[in-house]
Amino acid sequence: MRRREAACKLQDCFGVSERRACRTLDQPRSSQRYEAKANEEEPRLIGRILELVGESPRYGYRRITRILRQEGWRVNFKRIHRLWKQEGLKVPVKKK
């Protein structure tokens, strides 16, 4: 992402072509032009994760992933971990 932004900045500031900016930064032009597709089910998934965390705050992302799979969601733990970090979720520390 930073290389992509840097290539855009090079183009704007110095008026160089996309080809030259990408070559300078060793950035493939296909990566420069790539636009991520928005996943339409992701907001629903985030909402469900937040519901599960509200019900049982001591569950971590791995257990939440297992519960989601049991409910029929097609997810893997890496995706849930990414969303977990994106939402700023943490498992609270146990009180002694």
N, C-alpha and C. Protein backbone atom coordinates (compact mmCIF):
# COMPACT_ATOMS: atom_id res chain seq x y z
N MET A 1 0.83 -1.19 0.00
CA MET A 1 0.00 0.00 0.00
C MET A 1 0.88 1.26 0.00
N ARG A 2 1.97 1.23 0.73
CA ARG A 2 2.83 2.41 0.80
C ARG A 2 3.53 2.67 -0.52
N ARG A 3 3.93 1.59 -1.19
CA ARG A 3 4.57 1.77 -2.49
C ARG A 3 3.58 2.37 -3.49
N ARG A 4 2.35 1.92 -3.40
CA ARG A 4 1.33 2.43 -4.31
C ARG A 4 1.13 3.93 -4.09
N GLU A 5 1.08 4.33 -2.82
CA GLU A 5 0.93 5.75 -2.50
C GLU A 5 2.17 6.54 -2.94
N ALA A 6 3.34 5.95 -2.74
CA ALA A 6 4.57 6.62 -3.13
C ALA A 6 4.63 6.81 -4.65
N ALA A 7 4.17 5.82 -5.41
CA ALA A 7 4.16 5.94 -6.86
C ALA A 7 3.22 7.06 -7.29
N CYS A 8 2.08 7.16 -6.65
CA CYS A 8 1.13 8.24 -6.97
C CYS A 8 1.75 9.60 -6.65
N LYS A 9 2.45 9.68 -5.52
CA LYS A 9 3.07 10.93 -5.13
C LYS A 9 4.16 11.34 -6.12
N LEU A 10 4.94 10.35 -6.58
CA LEU A 10 5.96 10.63 -7.59
C LEU A 10 5.33 11.20 -8.86
N GLN A 11 4.23 10.59 -9.26
CA GLN A 11 3.54 11.05 -10.47
C GLN A 11 3.03 12.48 -10.29
N ASP A 12 2.45 12.77 -9.14
CA ASP A 12 1.89 14.10 -8.91
C ASP A 12 2.97 15.17 -8.77
N CYS A 13 3.98 14.90 -7.94
CA CYS A 13 4.99 15.91 -7.64
C CYS A 13 5.94 16.16 -8.81
N PHE A 14 6.39 15.09 -9.45
CA PHE A 14 7.42 15.23 -10.48
C PHE A 14 6.89 15.10 -11.90
N GLY A 15 5.63 14.77 -12.04
CA GLY A 15 5.03 14.67 -13.36
C GLY A 15 5.59 13.53 -14.20
N VAL A 16 6.04 12.46 -13.55
CA VAL A 16 6.56 11.32 -14.29
C VAL A 16 5.42 10.36 -14.63
N SER A 17 5.67 9.48 -15.57
CA SER A 17 4.65 8.52 -15.97
C SER A 17 4.51 7.43 -14.91
N GLU A 18 3.40 6.72 -14.99
CA GLU A 18 3.18 5.61 -14.07
C GLU A 18 4.26 4.55 -14.26
N ARG A 19 4.63 4.32 -15.50
CA ARG A 19 5.65 3.33 -15.82
C ARG A 19 6.97 3.67 -15.13
N ARG A 20 7.40 4.93 -15.23
CA ARG A 20 8.67 5.34 -14.65
C ARG A 20 8.61 5.33 -13.12
N ALA A 21 7.50 5.79 -12.56
CA ALA A 21 7.35 5.81 -11.10
C ALA A 21 7.40 4.39 -10.54
N CYS A 22 6.74 3.46 -11.22
CA CYS A 22 6.74 2.07 -10.75
C CYS A 22 8.12 1.44 -10.90
N ARG A 23 8.80 1.75 -11.99
CA ARG A 23 10.14 1.19 -12.21
C ARG A 23 11.10 1.72 -11.13
N THR A 24 10.97 2.99 -10.79
CA THR A 24 11.83 3.59 -9.77
C THR A 24 11.64 2.92 -8.41
N LEU A 25 10.40 2.60 -8.08
CA LEU A 25 10.09 2.02 -6.77
C LEU A 25 10.09 0.50 -6.78
N ASP A 26 10.41 -0.11 -7.93
CA ASP A 26 10.40 -1.56 -8.07
C ASP A 26 9.02 -2.11 -7.71
N GLN A 27 8.00 -1.44 -8.23
CA GLN A 27 6.59 -1.79 -7.98
C GLN A 27 5.98 -2.28 -9.28
N PRO A 28 5.42 -3.49 -9.32
CA PRO A 28 4.76 -3.94 -10.56
C PRO A 28 3.57 -3.03 -10.89
N ARG A 29 3.41 -2.71 -12.16
CA ARG A 29 2.31 -1.83 -12.54
C ARG A 29 0.96 -2.50 -12.32
N SER A 30 0.91 -3.82 -12.43
CA SER A 30 -0.35 -4.51 -12.18
C SER A 30 -0.79 -4.32 -10.72
N SER A 31 0.19 -4.31 -9.81
CA SER A 31 -0.13 -4.06 -8.40
C SER A 31 -0.56 -2.61 -8.19
N GLN A 32 0.02 -1.72 -8.96
CA GLN A 32 -0.32 -0.30 -8.86
C GLN A 32 -1.77 -0.06 -9.26
N ARG A 33 -2.23 -0.78 -10.26
CA ARG A 33 -3.58 -0.58 -10.77
C ARG A 33 -4.64 -1.41 -10.07
N TYR A 34 -4.24 -2.35 -9.24
CA TYR A 34 -5.17 -3.26 -8.59
C TYR A 34 -6.11 -2.51 -7.66
N GLU A 35 -7.39 -2.84 -7.75
CA GLU A 35 -8.39 -2.30 -6.83
C GLU A 35 -9.09 -3.46 -6.14
N ALA A 36 -9.07 -3.48 -4.84
CA ALA A 36 -9.69 -4.56 -4.08
C ALA A 36 -11.20 -4.53 -4.26
N LYS A 37 -11.78 -5.71 -4.35
CA LYS A 37 -13.23 -5.82 -4.47
C LYS A 37 -13.84 -5.80 -3.08
N ALA A 38 -14.90 -5.05 -2.93
CA ALA A 38 -15.59 -4.99 -1.64
C ALA A 38 -16.40 -6.26 -1.45
N ASN A 39 -16.29 -6.86 -0.28
CA ASN A 39 -17.03 -8.07 0.03
C ASN A 39 -18.34 -7.67 0.69
N GLU A 40 -19.47 -8.04 0.07
CA GLU A 40 -20.76 -7.57 0.57
C GLU A 40 -21.19 -8.26 1.86
N GLU A 41 -20.62 -9.43 2.18
CA GLU A 41 -21.03 -10.11 3.41
C GLU A 41 -20.19 -9.70 4.61
N GLU A 42 -19.13 -8.94 4.40
CA GLU A 42 -18.23 -8.60 5.49
C GLU A 42 -18.90 -7.76 6.60
N PRO A 43 -19.73 -6.76 6.29
CA PRO A 43 -20.40 -6.04 7.38
C PRO A 43 -21.29 -6.94 8.24
N ARG A 44 -21.96 -7.91 7.59
CA ARG A 44 -22.79 -8.86 8.36
C ARG A 44 -21.92 -9.73 9.26
N LEU A 45 -20.77 -10.14 8.72
CA LEU A 45 -19.85 -10.97 9.49
C LEU A 45 -19.29 -10.20 10.68
N ILE A 46 -18.91 -8.96 10.47
CA ILE A 46 -18.40 -8.14 11.57
C ILE A 46 -19.48 -7.95 12.64
N GLY A 47 -20.70 -7.73 12.20
CA GLY A 47 -21.81 -7.60 13.15
C GLY A 47 -22.00 -8.85 13.98
N ARG A 48 -21.90 -10.02 13.33
CA ARG A 48 -22.05 -11.28 14.06
C ARG A 48 -20.90 -11.49 15.03
N ILE A 49 -19.68 -11.14 14.62
CA ILE A 49 -18.53 -11.26 15.51
C ILE A 49 -18.74 -10.39 16.75
N LEU A 50 -19.20 -9.17 16.54
CA LEU A 50 -19.42 -8.26 17.67
C LEU A 50 -20.53 -8.78 18.59
N GLU A 51 -21.57 -9.42 18.02
CA GLU A 51 -22.62 -10.02 18.85
C GLU A 51 -22.04 -11.13 19.72
N LEU A 52 -21.24 -12.01 19.10
CA LEU A 52 -20.65 -13.12 19.86
C LEU A 52 -19.71 -12.61 20.95
N VAL A 53 -18.94 -11.57 20.65
CA VAL A 53 -18.04 -10.99 21.65
C VAL A 53 -18.85 -10.37 22.78
N GLY A 54 -19.99 -9.76 22.45
CA GLY A 54 -20.84 -9.19 23.49
C GLY A 54 -21.42 -10.26 24.40
N GLU A 55 -21.77 -11.42 23.82
CA GLU A 55 -22.33 -12.52 24.62
C GLU A 55 -21.27 -13.15 25.53
N SER A 56 -20.08 -13.35 24.98
CA SER A 56 -19.02 -13.99 25.77
C SER A 56 -17.69 -13.30 25.48
N PRO A 57 -17.37 -12.28 26.26
CA PRO A 57 -16.18 -11.47 25.99
C PRO A 57 -14.86 -12.20 26.22
N ARG A 58 -14.86 -13.33 26.91
CA ARG A 58 -13.61 -14.06 27.17
C ARG A 58 -13.21 -14.95 25.99
N TYR A 59 -14.04 -15.06 24.97
CA TYR A 59 -13.69 -15.86 23.80
C TYR A 59 -12.74 -15.09 22.92
N GLY A 60 -11.73 -15.77 22.41
CA GLY A 60 -10.79 -15.16 21.49
C GLY A 60 -11.23 -15.38 20.05
N TYR A 61 -10.43 -14.93 19.12
CA TYR A 61 -10.82 -15.02 17.71
C TYR A 61 -10.86 -16.46 17.22
N ARG A 62 -10.05 -17.35 17.80
CA ARG A 62 -10.07 -18.74 17.36
C ARG A 62 -11.37 -19.43 17.72
N ARG A 63 -11.84 -19.20 18.94
CA ARG A 63 -13.10 -19.81 19.36
C ARG A 63 -14.27 -19.19 18.62
N ILE A 64 -14.21 -17.89 18.38
CA ILE A 64 -15.24 -17.22 17.60
C ILE A 64 -15.28 -17.81 16.19
N THR A 65 -14.12 -18.11 15.62
CA THR A 65 -14.06 -18.72 14.30
C THR A 65 -14.76 -20.07 14.31
N ARG A 66 -14.49 -20.88 15.34
CA ARG A 66 -15.16 -22.18 15.44
C ARG A 66 -16.67 -22.04 15.53
N ILE A 67 -17.13 -21.09 16.32
CA ILE A 67 -18.58 -20.88 16.47
C ILE A 67 -19.19 -20.45 15.14
N LEU A 68 -18.51 -19.55 14.44
CA LEU A 68 -19.02 -19.08 13.14
C LEU A 68 -19.10 -20.23 12.14
N ARG A 69 -18.09 -21.11 12.14
CA ARG A 69 -18.13 -22.27 11.24
C ARG A 69 -19.28 -23.19 11.58
N GLN A 70 -19.55 -23.38 12.87
CA GLN A 70 -20.67 -24.22 13.28
C GLN A 70 -22.00 -23.62 12.84
N GLU A 71 -22.05 -22.29 12.77
CA GLU A 71 -23.26 -21.61 12.31
C GLU A 71 -23.41 -21.64 10.80
N GLY A 72 -22.36 -22.06 10.08
CA GLY A 72 -22.46 -22.17 8.64
C GLY A 72 -21.70 -21.12 7.85
N TRP A 73 -20.98 -20.24 8.52
CA TRP A 73 -20.17 -19.24 7.82
C TRP A 73 -18.97 -19.95 7.21
N ARG A 74 -18.56 -19.55 6.01
CA ARG A 74 -17.36 -20.09 5.37
C ARG A 74 -16.23 -19.10 5.59
N VAL A 75 -15.54 -19.27 6.72
CA VAL A 75 -14.47 -18.35 7.11
C VAL A 75 -13.26 -19.15 7.56
N ASN A 76 -12.09 -18.52 7.53
CA ASN A 76 -10.92 -19.12 8.14
C ASN A 76 -10.41 -18.19 9.23
N PHE A 77 -9.52 -18.72 10.07
CA PHE A 77 -9.12 -17.95 11.24
C PHE A 77 -8.32 -16.72 10.88
N LYS A 78 -7.62 -16.73 9.73
CA LYS A 78 -6.83 -15.56 9.34
C LYS A 78 -7.74 -14.37 9.02
N ARG A 79 -8.86 -14.65 8.37
CA ARG A 79 -9.81 -13.58 8.05
C ARG A 79 -10.42 -13.01 9.33
N ILE A 80 -10.81 -13.91 10.25
CA ILE A 80 -11.41 -13.47 11.50
C ILE A 80 -10.37 -12.68 12.31
N HIS A 81 -9.11 -13.10 12.29
CA HIS A 81 -8.07 -12.37 13.01
C HIS A 81 -7.90 -10.97 12.43
N ARG A 82 -7.93 -10.86 11.09
CA ARG A 82 -7.80 -9.55 10.45
C ARG A 82 -8.95 -8.63 10.87
N LEU A 83 -10.18 -9.16 10.85
CA LEU A 83 -11.34 -8.36 11.25
C LEU A 83 -11.29 -8.03 12.75
N TRP A 84 -10.81 -8.98 13.54
CA TRP A 84 -10.67 -8.80 14.99
C TRP A 84 -9.77 -7.61 15.28
N LYS A 85 -8.60 -7.58 14.61
CA LYS A 85 -7.66 -6.47 14.81
C LYS A 85 -8.22 -5.17 14.25
N GLN A 86 -8.91 -5.26 13.12
CA GLN A 86 -9.49 -4.07 12.49
C GLN A 86 -10.51 -3.40 13.41
N GLU A 87 -11.27 -4.21 14.14
CA GLU A 87 -12.28 -3.67 15.04
C GLU A 87 -11.71 -3.30 16.41
N GLY A 88 -10.43 -3.61 16.63
CA GLY A 88 -9.79 -3.26 17.90
C GLY A 88 -10.23 -4.12 19.06
N LEU A 89 -10.60 -5.35 18.78
CA LEU A 89 -11.08 -6.25 19.84
C LEU A 89 -9.90 -6.88 20.57
N LYS A 90 -10.09 -7.10 21.86
CA LYS A 90 -9.10 -7.77 22.69
C LYS A 90 -9.85 -8.61 23.71
N VAL A 91 -9.23 -9.69 24.14
CA VAL A 91 -9.79 -10.47 25.23
C VAL A 91 -9.39 -9.80 26.52
N PRO A 92 -10.37 -9.46 27.39
CA PRO A 92 -10.01 -8.78 28.63
C PRO A 92 -9.16 -9.65 29.53
N VAL A 93 -8.27 -9.02 30.29
CA VAL A 93 -7.40 -9.73 31.22
C VAL A 93 -8.24 -10.27 32.38
N LYS A 94 -7.96 -11.51 32.78
CA LYS A 94 -8.69 -12.10 33.90
C LYS A 94 -8.39 -11.35 35.19
N LYS A 95 -9.43 -11.11 35.96
CA LYS A 95 -9.25 -10.46 37.25
C LYS A 95 -8.88 -11.50 38.30
N LYS A 96 -7.94 -11.18 39.15
CA LYS A 96 -7.50 -12.12 40.17
C LYS A 96 -8.43 -12.10 41.37
